[in-house]
Amino acid sequence: MNQRENPLTEAEASAVADGMNAVEELLAQLSHVPTPEGPTPGSFRADSFRSNRRTKGANDASAMGRL
């Protein structure tokens, strides 16, 4: 397959940037809206980060015990 670059026109680049900004604004607004289960999407990220840190530490400790 022949790939070559086709630079965007100024209007096309502006449309892409506007679309990206619109999506980012929507995501920021929705991060504070509770899901049907109750928590907000923003809390998922924070909980996931804390959970991953606890799990990683626990996995490291159990792996050390197997050595």
C-alpha atoms as a PDB file:
ATOM      1  CA  MET A   1       0.000   0.000   0.000  1.00  0.00           C
ATOM      2  CA  ASN A   2       1.390   3.366  -0.964  1.00  0.00           C
ATOM      3  CA  GLN A   3       1.344   5.834   1.918  1.00  0.00           C
ATOM      4  CA  ARG A   4       2.025   9.488   1.476  1.00  0.00           C
ATOM      5  CA  GLU A   5       1.330  12.556   3.533  1.00  0.00           C
ATOM      6  CA  ASN A   6      -1.444  14.888   2.529  1.00  0.00           C
ATOM      7  CA  PRO A   7      -1.157  18.042   4.581  1.00  0.00           C
ATOM      8  CA  LEU A   8      -4.412  19.470   5.875  1.00  0.00           C
ATOM      9  CA  THR A   9      -5.611  22.804   4.672  1.00  0.00           C
ATOM     10  CA  GLU A  10      -5.948  25.545   7.258  1.00  0.00           C
ATOM     11  CA  ALA A  11      -9.740  25.034   7.310  1.00  0.00           C
ATOM     12  CA  GLU A  12      -9.364  21.270   7.785  1.00  0.00           C
ATOM     13  CA  ALA A  13      -6.835  21.688  10.588  1.00  0.00           C
ATOM     14  CA  SER A  14      -9.116  24.205  12.297  1.00  0.00           C
ATOM     15  CA  ALA A  15     -12.068  21.800  12.041  1.00  0.00           C
ATOM     16  CA  VAL A  16     -10.011  18.999  13.597  1.00  0.00           C
ATOM     17  CA  ALA A  17      -8.848  21.264  16.436  1.00  0.00           C
ATOM     18  CA  ASP A  18     -12.406  22.487  17.053  1.00  0.00           C
ATOM     19  CA  GLY A  19     -13.673  18.904  17.159  1.00  0.00           C
ATOM     20  CA  MET A  20     -10.954  17.848  19.590  1.00  0.00           C
ATOM     21  CA  ASN A  21     -11.696  20.819  21.841  1.00  0.00           C
ATOM     22  CA  ALA A  22     -15.417  20.015  21.790  1.00  0.00           C
ATOM     23  CA  VAL A  23     -14.773  16.385  22.761  1.00  0.00           C
ATOM     24  CA  GLU A  24     -12.404  17.411  25.577  1.00  0.00           C
ATOM     25  CA  GLU A  25     -14.964  19.900  26.934  1.00  0.00           C
ATOM     26  CA  LEU A  26     -17.704  17.251  26.834  1.00  0.00           C
ATOM     27  CA  LEU A  27     -15.509  14.720  28.639  1.00  0.00           C
ATOM     28  CA  ALA A  28     -14.666  17.293  31.311  1.00  0.00           C
ATOM     29  CA  GLN A  29     -18.355  18.031  31.860  1.00  0.00           C
ATOM     30  CA  LEU A  30     -19.356  14.369  31.944  1.00  0.00           C
ATOM     31  CA  SER A  31     -16.604  13.431  34.397  1.00  0.00           C
ATOM     32  CA  HIS A  32     -18.740  14.998  37.143  1.00  0.00           C
ATOM     33  CA  VAL A  33     -22.045  13.349  36.151  1.00  0.00           C
ATOM     34  CA  PRO A  34     -22.900  10.266  38.236  1.00  0.00           C
ATOM     35  CA  THR A  35     -23.322   6.967  36.439  1.00  0.00           C
ATOM     36  CA  PRO A  36     -26.496   4.910  36.999  1.00  0.00           C
ATOM     37  CA  GLU A  37     -24.567   3.010  39.704  1.00  0.00           C
ATOM     38  CA  GLY A  38     -23.712   6.259  41.509  1.00  0.00           C
ATOM     39  CA  PRO A  39     -19.990   7.028  41.175  1.00  0.00           C
ATOM     40  CA  THR A  40     -18.745   9.619  38.698  1.00  0.00           C
ATOM     41  CA  PRO A  41     -16.341   8.717  35.884  1.00  0.00           C
ATOM     42  CA  GLY A  42     -13.731  10.889  37.602  1.00  0.00           C
ATOM     43  CA  SER A  43     -13.910   8.719  40.706  1.00  0.00           C
ATOM     44  CA  PHE A  44     -13.259   5.606  38.600  1.00  0.00           C
ATOM     45  CA  ARG A  45      -9.894   6.995  37.548  1.00  0.00           C
ATOM     46  CA  ALA A  46      -8.913   7.868  41.117  1.00  0.00           C
ATOM     47  CA  ASP A  47     -10.087   4.504  42.491  1.00  0.00           C
ATOM     48  CA  SER A  48      -8.358   2.622  39.674  1.00  0.00           C
ATOM     49  CA  PHE A  49      -5.091   4.427  40.363  1.00  0.00           C
ATOM     50  CA  ARG A  50      -5.245   3.639  44.101  1.00  0.00           C
ATOM     51  CA  SER A  51      -6.256   0.035  43.406  1.00  0.00           C
ATOM     52  CA  ASN A  52      -3.417  -0.474  40.927  1.00  0.00           C
ATOM     53  CA  ARG A  53      -0.878   0.868  43.411  1.00  0.00           C
ATOM     54  CA  ARG A  54      -2.130  -1.463  46.190  1.00  0.00           C
ATOM     55  CA  THR A  55      -2.257  -4.462  43.847  1.00  0.00           C
ATOM     56  CA  LYS A  56       1.206  -3.803  42.457  1.00  0.00           C
ATOM     57  CA  GLY A  57       2.704  -3.604  45.945  1.00  0.00           C
ATOM     58  CA  ALA A  58       0.933  -6.797  46.999  1.00  0.00           C
ATOM     59  CA  ASN A  59       2.060  -8.608  43.856  1.00  0.00           C
ATOM     60  CA  ASP A  60       5.651  -7.472  44.361  1.00  0.00           C
ATOM     61  CA  ALA A  61       5.622  -8.714  47.960  1.00  0.00           C
ATOM     62  CA  SER A  62       4.140 -12.117  47.057  1.00  0.00           C
ATOM     63  CA  ALA A  63       6.614 -12.530  44.212  1.00  0.00           C
ATOM     64  CA  MET A  64       9.470 -11.870  46.612  1.00  0.00           C
ATOM     65  CA  GLY A  65       8.192 -14.627  48.881  1.00  0.00           C
ATOM     66  CA  ARG A  66       8.440 -17.139  46.038  1.00  0.00           C
ATOM     67  CA  LEU A  67      12.127 -16.486  45.462  1.00  0.00           C
END
